[in-house]
N, C-alpha and C. Protein backbone atom coordinates (compact mmCIF):
# COMPACT_ATOMS: atom_id res chain seq x y z
N MET A 1 10.59 21.75 2.21
CA MET A 1 10.07 20.49 2.70
C MET A 1 11.06 19.36 2.39
N ILE A 2 11.27 18.52 3.35
CA ILE A 2 12.21 17.42 3.19
C ILE A 2 11.45 16.19 2.71
N HIS A 3 11.99 15.58 1.67
CA HIS A 3 11.36 14.37 1.15
C HIS A 3 12.43 13.30 0.99
N PRO A 4 12.28 12.12 1.43
CA PRO A 4 11.13 11.59 2.16
C PRO A 4 11.13 12.05 3.61
N ARG A 5 9.95 12.03 4.20
CA ARG A 5 9.80 12.48 5.59
C ARG A 5 10.45 11.49 6.54
N LEU A 6 10.90 12.01 7.67
CA LEU A 6 11.55 11.18 8.68
C LEU A 6 10.60 10.10 9.20
N ASP A 7 9.33 10.42 9.33
CA ASP A 7 8.35 9.43 9.79
C ASP A 7 8.28 8.24 8.84
N ASP A 8 8.33 8.51 7.53
CA ASP A 8 8.30 7.43 6.54
C ASP A 8 9.55 6.56 6.64
N LEU A 9 10.68 7.19 6.88
CA LEU A 9 11.94 6.45 7.00
C LEU A 9 11.97 5.60 8.27
N LEU A 10 11.46 6.16 9.37
CA LEU A 10 11.46 5.41 10.63
C LEU A 10 10.48 4.24 10.61
N ALA A 11 9.54 4.25 9.67
CA ALA A 11 8.66 3.10 9.51
C ALA A 11 9.40 1.91 8.89
N LYS A 12 10.46 2.19 8.14
CA LYS A 12 11.25 1.15 7.48
C LYS A 12 12.51 0.76 8.26
N VAL A 13 13.04 1.70 9.04
CA VAL A 13 14.30 1.50 9.77
C VAL A 13 14.04 1.82 11.23
N ASP A 14 14.70 1.12 12.15
CA ASP A 14 14.35 1.24 13.55
C ASP A 14 14.96 2.42 14.31
N SER A 15 15.95 3.11 13.75
CA SER A 15 16.53 4.25 14.47
C SER A 15 17.10 5.28 13.48
N ARG A 16 17.23 6.48 13.97
CA ARG A 16 17.81 7.55 13.14
C ARG A 16 19.26 7.25 12.80
N TYR A 17 19.97 6.66 13.76
CA TYR A 17 21.37 6.31 13.52
C TYR A 17 21.48 5.33 12.36
N ALA A 18 20.61 4.33 12.33
CA ALA A 18 20.64 3.35 11.25
C ALA A 18 20.32 4.00 9.91
N ILE A 19 19.40 4.96 9.90
CA ILE A 19 19.06 5.68 8.66
C ILE A 19 20.29 6.37 8.11
N VAL A 20 21.02 7.04 8.98
CA VAL A 20 22.22 7.77 8.56
C VAL A 20 23.26 6.82 7.97
N ILE A 21 23.52 5.72 8.65
CA ILE A 21 24.52 4.76 8.19
C ILE A 21 24.12 4.14 6.86
N ILE A 22 22.87 3.69 6.76
CA ILE A 22 22.39 3.04 5.54
C ILE A 22 22.41 4.01 4.36
N ALA A 23 21.90 5.22 4.57
CA ALA A 23 21.82 6.21 3.49
C ALA A 23 23.20 6.64 3.03
N ALA A 24 24.12 6.83 3.97
CA ALA A 24 25.47 7.26 3.59
C ALA A 24 26.19 6.17 2.79
N LYS A 25 26.06 4.93 3.23
CA LYS A 25 26.72 3.83 2.52
C LYS A 25 26.14 3.68 1.11
N ARG A 26 24.83 3.75 1.00
CA ARG A 26 24.19 3.61 -0.32
C ARG A 26 24.52 4.80 -1.22
N ALA A 27 24.60 6.01 -0.67
CA ALA A 27 24.97 7.18 -1.47
C ALA A 27 26.38 7.02 -2.03
N ARG A 28 27.30 6.45 -1.25
CA ARG A 28 28.65 6.19 -1.75
C ARG A 28 28.62 5.16 -2.88
N GLN A 29 27.75 4.15 -2.77
CA GLN A 29 27.64 3.15 -3.83
C GLN A 29 27.10 3.79 -5.12
N ILE A 30 26.11 4.65 -5.00
CA ILE A 30 25.56 5.32 -6.18
C ILE A 30 26.61 6.23 -6.81
N ASN A 31 27.37 6.92 -5.98
CA ASN A 31 28.45 7.78 -6.48
C ASN A 31 29.48 6.94 -7.23
N ASN A 32 29.87 5.81 -6.66
CA ASN A 32 30.84 4.92 -7.32
C ASN A 32 30.28 4.39 -8.64
N TYR A 33 29.01 4.08 -8.68
CA TYR A 33 28.37 3.61 -9.91
C TYR A 33 28.51 4.65 -11.02
N HIS A 34 28.22 5.90 -10.70
CA HIS A 34 28.31 6.96 -11.71
C HIS A 34 29.75 7.20 -12.16
N HIS A 35 30.69 7.02 -11.28
CA HIS A 35 32.10 7.19 -11.65
C HIS A 35 32.61 6.02 -12.49
N GLN A 36 32.03 4.83 -12.31
CA GLN A 36 32.46 3.64 -13.04
C GLN A 36 31.83 3.52 -14.42
N LEU A 37 30.81 4.31 -14.70
CA LEU A 37 30.13 4.20 -15.99
C LEU A 37 31.08 4.34 -17.16
N GLY A 38 31.96 5.32 -17.11
CA GLY A 38 32.87 5.56 -18.21
C GLY A 38 34.07 4.64 -18.23
N GLU A 39 34.34 3.98 -17.11
CA GLU A 39 35.53 3.14 -17.02
C GLU A 39 35.28 1.69 -17.44
N GLY A 40 34.03 1.29 -17.58
CA GLY A 40 33.72 -0.07 -18.01
C GLY A 40 33.93 -1.12 -16.94
N ILE A 41 33.92 -0.73 -15.69
CA ILE A 41 34.10 -1.66 -14.58
C ILE A 41 32.76 -2.29 -14.24
N GLY A 42 32.76 -3.53 -13.76
CA GLY A 42 31.53 -4.23 -13.40
C GLY A 42 30.77 -3.54 -12.27
N PHE A 43 29.50 -3.88 -12.12
CA PHE A 43 28.65 -3.22 -11.15
C PHE A 43 28.40 -4.04 -9.91
N GLU A 44 29.25 -5.00 -9.60
CA GLU A 44 29.04 -5.82 -8.43
C GLU A 44 29.15 -5.00 -7.14
N GLU A 45 30.13 -4.14 -7.07
CA GLU A 45 30.35 -3.35 -5.86
C GLU A 45 29.50 -2.10 -5.83
N ALA A 46 29.07 -1.61 -6.97
CA ALA A 46 28.32 -0.36 -7.03
C ALA A 46 27.13 -0.53 -7.96
N PRO A 47 26.02 -1.09 -7.45
CA PRO A 47 24.84 -1.26 -8.30
C PRO A 47 24.20 0.09 -8.64
N PRO A 48 23.48 0.17 -9.74
CA PRO A 48 22.84 1.44 -10.14
C PRO A 48 21.72 1.81 -9.20
N PRO A 49 21.23 3.05 -9.26
CA PRO A 49 20.09 3.45 -8.43
C PRO A 49 18.89 2.54 -8.70
N LEU A 50 18.16 2.20 -7.65
CA LEU A 50 17.06 1.26 -7.74
C LEU A 50 15.71 1.91 -8.00
N ILE A 51 15.68 3.25 -8.01
CA ILE A 51 14.43 3.97 -8.24
C ILE A 51 14.67 5.10 -9.23
N GLU A 52 13.60 5.60 -9.81
CA GLU A 52 13.66 6.80 -10.63
C GLU A 52 13.50 7.99 -9.69
N SER A 53 14.41 8.92 -9.73
CA SER A 53 14.35 10.07 -8.84
C SER A 53 14.50 11.35 -9.63
N ARG A 54 13.78 12.37 -9.19
CA ARG A 54 13.94 13.68 -9.82
C ARG A 54 15.20 14.37 -9.32
N SER A 55 15.69 13.92 -8.19
CA SER A 55 16.87 14.53 -7.58
C SER A 55 18.15 13.99 -8.20
N LYS A 56 19.15 14.82 -8.27
CA LYS A 56 20.48 14.40 -8.70
C LYS A 56 21.40 14.19 -7.51
N ASN A 57 20.89 14.43 -6.32
CA ASN A 57 21.67 14.27 -5.10
C ASN A 57 21.66 12.81 -4.68
N TYR A 58 22.83 12.22 -4.52
CA TYR A 58 22.95 10.81 -4.22
C TYR A 58 22.36 10.45 -2.86
N LEU A 59 22.51 11.32 -1.88
CA LEU A 59 21.95 11.06 -0.56
C LEU A 59 20.43 11.05 -0.61
N THR A 60 19.84 11.97 -1.35
CA THR A 60 18.38 11.98 -1.51
C THR A 60 17.91 10.72 -2.21
N MET A 61 18.64 10.29 -3.23
CA MET A 61 18.28 9.04 -3.92
C MET A 61 18.30 7.87 -2.95
N SER A 62 19.32 7.80 -2.12
CA SER A 62 19.43 6.67 -1.19
C SER A 62 18.32 6.72 -0.14
N LEU A 63 17.95 7.91 0.33
CA LEU A 63 16.85 8.02 1.29
C LEU A 63 15.53 7.62 0.64
N GLU A 64 15.33 7.96 -0.62
CA GLU A 64 14.12 7.55 -1.32
C GLU A 64 14.08 6.03 -1.51
N GLU A 65 15.23 5.42 -1.72
CA GLU A 65 15.29 3.96 -1.82
C GLU A 65 14.90 3.30 -0.50
N VAL A 66 15.37 3.86 0.60
CA VAL A 66 15.02 3.33 1.91
C VAL A 66 13.52 3.48 2.16
N ALA A 67 12.98 4.66 1.86
CA ALA A 67 11.55 4.92 2.10
C ALA A 67 10.66 4.02 1.24
N SER A 68 11.12 3.67 0.05
CA SER A 68 10.31 2.83 -0.83
C SER A 68 10.47 1.33 -0.51
N GLY A 69 11.39 0.99 0.39
CA GLY A 69 11.58 -0.41 0.76
C GLY A 69 12.53 -1.17 -0.15
N LYS A 70 13.22 -0.48 -1.04
CA LYS A 70 14.17 -1.14 -1.95
C LYS A 70 15.46 -1.54 -1.24
N ILE A 71 15.79 -0.82 -0.17
CA ILE A 71 17.02 -1.09 0.59
C ILE A 71 16.62 -1.69 1.94
N THR A 72 17.17 -2.83 2.27
CA THR A 72 16.95 -3.44 3.57
C THR A 72 18.31 -3.65 4.23
N TYR A 73 18.29 -3.95 5.50
CA TYR A 73 19.55 -4.15 6.21
C TYR A 73 19.34 -5.15 7.32
N THR A 74 20.43 -5.68 7.80
CA THR A 74 20.44 -6.53 8.99
C THR A 74 21.62 -6.12 9.84
N TYR A 75 21.47 -6.30 11.12
CA TYR A 75 22.59 -6.01 12.00
C TYR A 75 23.58 -7.16 11.95
N PRO A 76 24.86 -6.87 12.01
CA PRO A 76 25.85 -7.95 12.00
C PRO A 76 25.77 -8.75 13.30
N PRO A 77 26.10 -10.03 13.23
CA PRO A 77 26.07 -10.84 14.46
C PRO A 77 27.10 -10.35 15.46
N VAL A 78 26.75 -10.45 16.70
CA VAL A 78 27.64 -9.97 17.77
C VAL A 78 28.45 -11.10 18.33
């Protein structure tokens, strides 16, 4: 079973394409956060995970953040 469900994600984000882009970008930020822990670098570019997750997979963490409403987005101006 996949968690969070796609229906829950589509309630927060308007398209599957946007889900992929948002989740991938946030997963990279979480990955960078974990790599910077030992280096003592600031967290401006890579904030820590915003939720408690049982998963150690960064992509799953980012999808759970989207489903919980912790991550929002806006389209860039055209």
